[in-house]
Amino acid sequence: MAADGEGLKATVKTRVYLGARNRYVLTLAGHTIRMLTANEIVLKPGEDVALAIDPDRIRILERQNA
């Protein structure tokens, strides 16, 4: 999550409680992304948020064609 007025703008689509974490699905620039947070961070579907991404934490997965 970014400070007010900073970061990439995204909208929360869904939240799934996973115990110690929450898994969110967000829309960002027309793309769907997933985000894990500590369970203390609670966002509501439809809520606009700003994201700051630590480059060391990014994981890009190769798409496998069937």
PDB file of N, CA and C in Angstrom:
ATOM      1  N   MET A   1       0.841  -1.155   0.000  1.00  0.00           N
ATOM      2  CA  MET A   1       0.000   0.000   0.000  1.00  0.00           C
ATOM      3  C   MET A   1       0.899   1.235   0.000  1.00  0.00           C
ATOM      4  N   ALA A   2       0.470   2.245  -0.711  1.00  0.00           N
ATOM      5  CA  ALA A   2       1.271   3.462  -0.843  1.00  0.00           C
ATOM      6  C   ALA A   2       0.694   4.580   0.020  1.00  0.00           C
ATOM      7  N   ALA A   3       1.512   5.571   0.261  1.00  0.00           N
ATOM      8  CA  ALA A   3       1.049   6.757   0.982  1.00  0.00           C
ATOM      9  C   ALA A   3       0.002   7.472   0.143  1.00  0.00           C
ATOM     10  N   ASP A   4      -0.843   8.258   0.785  1.00  0.00           N
ATOM     11  CA  ASP A   4      -1.887   8.997   0.082  1.00  0.00           C
ATOM     12  C   ASP A   4      -1.311   9.801  -1.078  1.00  0.00           C
ATOM     13  N   GLY A   5      -1.960   9.686  -2.245  1.00  0.00           N
ATOM     14  CA  GLY A   5      -1.551  10.441  -3.408  1.00  0.00           C
ATOM     15  C   GLY A   5      -0.370   9.869  -4.164  1.00  0.00           C
ATOM     16  N   GLU A   6       0.172   8.748  -3.693  1.00  0.00           N
ATOM     17  CA  GLU A   6       1.323   8.139  -4.366  1.00  0.00           C
ATOM     18  C   GLU A   6       0.962   6.735  -4.824  1.00  0.00           C
ATOM     19  N   GLY A   7       1.748   6.177  -5.720  1.00  0.00           N
ATOM     20  CA  GLY A   7       1.584   4.788  -6.118  1.00  0.00           C
ATOM     21  C   GLY A   7       0.674   4.586  -7.308  1.00  0.00           C
ATOM     22  N   LEU A   8       0.480   3.315  -7.640  1.00  0.00           N
ATOM     23  CA  LEU A   8      -0.361   2.906  -8.757  1.00  0.00           C
ATOM     24  C   LEU A   8      -1.795   2.751  -8.277  1.00  0.00           C
ATOM     25  N   LYS A   9      -2.739   3.301  -9.024  1.00  0.00           N
ATOM     26  CA  LYS A   9      -4.143   3.260  -8.621  1.00  0.00           C
ATOM     27  C   LYS A   9      -4.769   1.931  -9.042  1.00  0.00           C
ATOM     28  N   ALA A  10      -5.434   1.265  -8.105  1.00  0.00           N
ATOM     29  CA  ALA A  10      -6.098  -0.016  -8.359  1.00  0.00           C
ATOM     30  C   ALA A  10      -7.434  -0.024  -7.634  1.00  0.00           C
ATOM     31  N   THR A  11      -8.302  -0.963  -8.033  1.00  0.00           N
ATOM     32  CA  THR A  11      -9.609  -1.123  -7.401  1.00  0.00           C
ATOM     33  C   THR A  11      -9.743  -2.555  -6.913  1.00  0.00           C
ATOM     34  N   VAL A  12     -10.206  -2.709  -5.685  1.00  0.00           N
ATOM     35  CA  VAL A  12     -10.387  -4.030  -5.085  1.00  0.00           C
ATOM     36  C   VAL A  12     -11.605  -4.703  -5.719  1.00  0.00           C
ATOM     37  N   LYS A  13     -11.411  -5.943  -6.215  1.00  0.00           N
ATOM     38  CA  LYS A  13     -12.525  -6.727  -6.743  1.00  0.00           C
ATOM     39  C   LYS A  13     -13.038  -7.700  -5.695  1.00  0.00           C
ATOM     40  N   THR A  14     -12.134  -8.474  -5.075  1.00  0.00           N
ATOM     41  CA  THR A  14     -12.550  -9.453  -4.072  1.00  0.00           C
ATOM     42  C   THR A  14     -11.511  -9.559  -2.971  1.00  0.00           C
ATOM     43  N   ARG A  15     -11.961 -10.076  -1.822  1.00  0.00           N
ATOM     44  CA  ARG A  15     -11.078 -10.357  -0.689  1.00  0.00           C
ATOM     45  C   ARG A  15     -11.403 -11.751  -0.178  1.00  0.00           C
ATOM     46  N   VAL A  16     -10.356 -12.554   0.075  1.00  0.00           N
ATOM     47  CA  VAL A  16     -10.525 -13.881   0.657  1.00  0.00           C
ATOM     48  C   VAL A  16      -9.682 -13.930   1.927  1.00  0.00           C
ATOM     49  N   TYR A  17     -10.340 -14.228   3.040  1.00  0.00           N
ATOM     50  CA  TYR A  17      -9.657 -14.351   4.321  1.00  0.00           C
ATOM     51  C   TYR A  17      -8.956 -15.703   4.376  1.00  0.00           C
ATOM     52  N   LEU A  18      -7.652 -15.708   4.654  1.00  0.00           N
ATOM     53  CA  LEU A  18      -6.862 -16.937   4.689  1.00  0.00           C
ATOM     54  C   LEU A  18      -6.248 -17.176   6.074  1.00  0.00           C
ATOM     55  N   GLY A  19      -6.845 -16.648   7.109  1.00  0.00           N
ATOM     56  CA  GLY A  19      -6.287 -16.788   8.451  1.00  0.00           C
ATOM     57  C   GLY A  19      -5.330 -15.662   8.765  1.00  0.00           C
ATOM     58  N   ALA A  20      -4.049 -15.924   8.649  1.00  0.00           N
ATOM     59  CA  ALA A  20      -3.042 -14.909   8.944  1.00  0.00           C
ATOM     60  C   ALA A  20      -2.884 -13.885   7.823  1.00  0.00           C
ATOM     61  N   ARG A  21      -3.518 -14.148   6.685  1.00  0.00           N
ATOM     62  CA  ARG A  21      -3.399 -13.251   5.521  1.00  0.00           C
ATOM     63  C   ARG A  21      -4.741 -13.055   4.854  1.00  0.00           C
ATOM     64  N   ASN A  22      -4.806 -12.021   4.022  1.00  0.00           N
ATOM     65  CA  ASN A  22      -5.923 -11.805   3.111  1.00  0.00           C
ATOM     66  C   ASN A  22      -5.388 -11.875   1.697  1.00  0.00           C
ATOM     67  N   ARG A  23      -6.144 -12.497   0.811  1.00  0.00           N
ATOM     68  CA  ARG A  23      -5.782 -12.493  -0.611  1.00  0.00           C
ATOM     69  C   ARG A  23      -6.794 -11.605  -1.322  1.00  0.00           C
ATOM     70  N   TYR A  24      -6.273 -10.640  -2.071  1.00  0.00           N
ATOM     71  CA  TYR A  24      -7.108  -9.709  -2.809  1.00  0.00           C
ATOM     72  C   TYR A  24      -6.923  -9.910  -4.304  1.00  0.00           C
ATOM     73  N   VAL A  25      -8.003  -9.680  -5.041  1.00  0.00           N
ATOM     74  CA  VAL A  25      -7.937  -9.563  -6.491  1.00  0.00           C
ATOM     75  C   VAL A  25      -8.273  -8.108  -6.787  1.00  0.00           C
ATOM     76  N   LEU A  26      -7.405  -7.460  -7.558  1.00  0.00           N
ATOM     77  CA  LEU A  26      -7.575  -6.049  -7.887  1.00  0.00           C
ATOM     78  C   LEU A  26      -7.517  -5.846  -9.394  1.00  0.00           C
ATOM     79  N   THR A  27      -8.060  -4.732  -9.851  1.00  0.00           N
ATOM     80  CA  THR A  27      -7.864  -4.323 -11.238  1.00  0.00           C
ATOM     81  C   THR A  27      -6.900  -3.150 -11.231  1.00  0.00           C
ATOM     82  N   LEU A  28      -5.933  -3.224 -12.128  1.00  0.00           N
ATOM     83  CA  LEU A  28      -4.901  -2.202 -12.243  1.00  0.00           C
ATOM     84  C   LEU A  28      -4.661  -1.958 -13.717  1.00  0.00           C
ATOM     85  N   ALA A  29      -5.026  -0.789 -14.199  1.00  0.00           N
ATOM     86  CA  ALA A  29      -4.829  -0.424 -15.608  1.00  0.00           C
ATOM     87  C   ALA A  29      -5.431  -1.466 -16.549  1.00  0.00           C
ATOM     88  N   GLY A  30      -6.616  -1.965 -16.189  1.00  0.00           N
ATOM     89  CA  GLY A  30      -7.299  -2.935 -17.039  1.00  0.00           C
ATOM     90  C   GLY A  30      -6.836  -4.369 -16.881  1.00  0.00           C
ATOM     91  N   HIS A  31      -5.895  -4.616 -15.997  1.00  0.00           N
ATOM     92  CA  HIS A  31      -5.374  -5.964 -15.748  1.00  0.00           C
ATOM     93  C   HIS A  31      -5.799  -6.437 -14.362  1.00  0.00           C
ATOM     94  N   THR A  32      -5.899  -7.744 -14.217  1.00  0.00           N
ATOM     95  CA  THR A  32      -6.211  -8.337 -12.923  1.00  0.00           C
ATOM     96  C   THR A  32      -4.912  -8.733 -12.239  1.00  0.00           C
ATOM     97  N   ILE A  33      -4.757  -8.312 -10.991  1.00  0.00           N
ATOM     98  CA  ILE A  33      -3.582  -8.703 -10.217  1.00  0.00           C
ATOM     99  C   ILE A  33      -4.048  -9.284  -8.882  1.00  0.00           C
ATOM    100  N   ARG A  34      -3.183 -10.043  -8.250  1.00  0.00           N
ATOM    101  CA  ARG A  34      -3.461 -10.626  -6.943  1.00  0.00           C
ATOM    102  C   ARG A  34      -2.458 -10.094  -5.937  1.00  0.00           C
ATOM    103  N   MET A  35      -2.913  -9.935  -4.695  1.00  0.00           N
ATOM    104  CA  MET A  35      -2.069  -9.362  -3.658  1.00  0.00           C
ATOM    105  C   MET A  35      -2.358 -10.073  -2.339  1.00  0.00           C
ATOM    106  N   LEU A  36      -1.305 -10.403  -1.606  1.00  0.00           N
ATOM    107  CA  LEU A  36      -1.429 -10.950  -0.254  1.00  0.00           C
ATOM    108  C   LEU A  36      -1.071  -9.867   0.745  1.00  0.00           C
ATOM    109  N   THR A  37      -1.848  -9.773   1.822  1.00  0.00           N
ATOM    110  CA  THR A  37      -1.546  -8.817   2.889  1.00  0.00           C
ATOM    111  C   THR A  37      -1.695  -9.505   4.237  1.00  0.00           C
ATOM    112  N   ALA A  38      -1.168  -8.868   5.262  1.00  0.00           N
ATOM    113  CA  ALA A  38      -1.440  -9.317   6.625  1.00  0.00           C
ATOM    114  C   ALA A  38      -2.941  -9.150   6.874  1.00  0.00           C
ATOM    115  N   ASN A  39      -3.507  -9.961   7.786  1.00  0.00           N
ATOM    116  CA  ASN A  39      -4.953  -9.892   7.984  1.00  0.00           C
ATOM    117  C   ASN A  39      -5.404  -8.608   8.669  1.00  0.00           C
ATOM    118  N   GLU A  40      -4.468  -7.801   9.176  1.00  0.00           N
ATOM    119  CA  GLU A  40      -4.830  -6.514   9.761  1.00  0.00           C
ATOM    120  C   GLU A  40      -5.255  -5.501   8.695  1.00  0.00           C
ATOM    121  N   ILE A  41      -4.848  -5.730   7.458  1.00  0.00           N
ATOM    122  CA  ILE A  41      -5.219  -4.836   6.357  1.00  0.00           C
ATOM    123  C   ILE A  41      -6.517  -5.365   5.754  1.00  0.00           C
ATOM    124  N   VAL A  42      -7.595  -4.592   5.927  1.00  0.00           N
ATOM    125  CA  VAL A  42      -8.903  -5.013   5.428  1.00  0.00           C
ATOM    126  C   VAL A  42      -9.394  -3.977   4.426  1.00  0.00           C
ATOM    127  N   LEU A  43      -9.552  -4.401   3.187  1.00  0.00           N
ATOM    128  CA  LEU A  43     -10.051  -3.552   2.110  1.00  0.00           C
ATOM    129  C   LEU A  43     -11.384  -4.117   1.637  1.00  0.00           C
ATOM    130  N   LYS A  44     -12.255  -3.245   1.165  1.00  0.00           N
ATOM    131  CA  LYS A  44     -13.585  -3.662   0.738  1.00  0.00           C
ATOM    132  C   LYS A  44     -13.666  -3.691  -0.786  1.00  0.00           C
ATOM    133  N   PRO A  45     -14.426  -4.658  -1.340  1.00  0.00           N
ATOM    134  CA  PRO A  45     -14.640  -4.662  -2.788  1.00  0.00           C
ATOM    135  C   PRO A  45     -15.186  -3.309  -3.249  1.00  0.00           C
ATOM    136  N   GLY A  46     -14.632  -2.819  -4.355  1.00  0.00           N
ATOM    137  CA  GLY A  46     -15.007  -1.517  -4.892  1.00  0.00           C
ATOM    138  C   GLY A  46     -14.147  -0.380  -4.386  1.00  0.00           C
ATOM    139  N   GLU A  47     -13.361  -0.633  -3.352  1.00  0.00           N
ATOM    140  CA  GLU A  47     -12.505   0.405  -2.775  1.00  0.00           C
ATOM    141  C   GLU A  47     -11.319   0.695  -3.693  1.00  0.00           C
ATOM    142  N   ASP A  48     -11.017   1.975  -3.876  1.00  0.00           N
ATOM    143  CA  ASP A  48      -9.845   2.384  -4.638  1.00  0.00           C
ATOM    144  C   ASP A  48      -8.646   2.455  -3.701  1.00  0.00           C
ATOM    145  N   VAL A  49      -7.526   1.925  -4.139  1.00  0.00           N
ATOM    146  CA  VAL A  49      -6.306   1.911  -3.339  1.00  0.00           C
ATOM    147  C   VAL A  49      -5.132   2.350  -4.198  1.00  0.00           C
ATOM    148  N   ALA A  50      -4.043   2.717  -3.546  1.00  0.00           N
ATOM    149  CA  ALA A  50      -2.798   3.054  -4.238  1.00  0.00           C
ATOM    150  C   ALA A  50      -1.751   2.039  -3.801  1.00  0.00           C
ATOM    151  N   LEU A  51      -1.030   1.475  -4.764  1.00  0.00           N
ATOM    152  CA  LEU A  51      -0.060   0.426  -4.492  1.00  0.00           C
ATOM    153  C   LEU A  51       1.362   0.900  -4.766  1.00  0.00           C
ATOM    154  N   ALA A  52       2.257   0.520  -3.883  1.00  0.00           N
ATOM    155  CA  ALA A  52       3.685   0.713  -4.101  1.00  0.00           C
ATOM    156  C   ALA A  52       4.282  -0.686  -4.173  1.00  0.00           C
ATOM    157  N   ILE A  53       5.015  -0.972  -5.198  1.00  0.00           N
ATOM    158  CA  ILE A  53       5.526  -2.321  -5.428  1.00  0.00           C
ATOM    159  C   ILE A  53       7.035  -2.343  -5.213  1.00  0.00           C
ATOM    160  N   ASP A  54       7.466  -3.209  -4.310  1.00  0.00           N
ATOM    161  CA  ASP A  54       8.886  -3.417  -4.062  1.00  0.00           C
ATOM    162  C   ASP A  54       9.413  -4.332  -5.172  1.00  0.00           C
ATOM    163  N   PRO A  55      10.301  -3.846  -6.042  1.00  0.00           N
ATOM    164  CA  PRO A  55      10.784  -4.664  -7.163  1.00  0.00           C
ATOM    165  C   PRO A  55      11.383  -6.003  -6.736  1.00  0.00           C
ATOM    166  N   ASP A  56      11.924  -6.084  -5.540  1.00  0.00           N
ATOM    167  CA  ASP A  56      12.508  -7.337  -5.064  1.00  0.00           C
ATOM    168  C   ASP A  56      11.461  -8.385  -4.719  1.00  0.00           C
ATOM    169  N   ARG A  57      10.193  -7.975  -4.626  1.00  0.00           N
ATOM    170  CA  ARG A  57       9.125  -8.901  -4.245  1.00  0.00           C
ATOM    171  C   ARG A  57       8.267  -9.353  -5.429  1.00  0.00           C
ATOM    172  N   ILE A  58       8.563  -8.873  -6.627  1.00  0.00           N
ATOM    173  CA  ILE A  58       7.766  -9.215  -7.809  1.00  0.00           C
ATOM    174  C   ILE A  58       8.127 -10.615  -8.294  1.00  0.00           C
ATOM    175  N   ARG A  59       7.111 -11.394  -8.599  1.00  0.00           N
ATOM    176  CA  ARG A  59       7.290 -12.725  -9.188  1.00  0.00           C
ATOM    177  C   ARG A  59       6.480 -12.782 -10.474  1.00  0.00           C
ATOM    178  N   ILE A  60       7.144 -13.057 -11.581  1.00  0.00           N
ATOM    179  CA  ILE A  60       6.457 -13.187 -12.870  1.00  0.00           C
ATOM    180  C   ILE A  60       6.481 -14.659 -13.251  1.00  0.00           C
ATOM    181  N   LEU A  61       5.298 -15.185 -13.502  1.00  0.00           N
ATOM    182  CA  LEU A  61       5.164 -16.592 -13.838  1.00  0.00           C
ATOM    183  C   LEU A  61       4.923 -16.751 -15.333  1.00  0.00           C
ATOM    184  N   GLU A  62       5.630 -17.676 -15.925  1.00  0.00           N
ATOM    185  CA  GLU A  62       5.464 -17.933 -17.345  1.00  0.00           C
ATOM    186  C   GLU A  62       4.159 -18.679 -17.578  1.00  0.00           C
ATOM    187  N   ARG A  63       3.409 -18.227 -18.575  1.00  0.00           N
ATOM    188  CA  ARG A  63       2.156 -18.885 -18.914  1.00  0.00           C
ATOM    189  C   ARG A  63       2.468 -20.173 -19.656  1.00  0.00           C
ATOM    190  N   GLN A  64       1.825 -21.237 -19.248  1.00  0.00           N
ATOM    191  CA  GLN A  64       2.006 -22.512 -19.909  1.00  0.00           C
ATOM    192  C   GLN A  64       0.817 -22.785 -20.800  1.00  0.00           C
ATOM    193  N   ASN A  65       1.072 -23.023 -22.080  1.00  0.00           N
ATOM    194  CA  ASN A  65      -0.007 -23.335 -23.018  1.00  0.00           C
ATOM    195  C   ASN A  65      -0.344 -24.810 -22.938  1.00  0.00           C
ATOM    196  N   ALA A  66      -1.639 -25.077 -22.987  1.00  0.00           N
ATOM    197  CA  ALA A  66      -2.089 -26.469 -22.898  1.00  0.00           C
ATOM    198  C   ALA A  66      -1.971 -27.167 -24.237  1.00  0.00           C
TER     199      ALA A  66
END
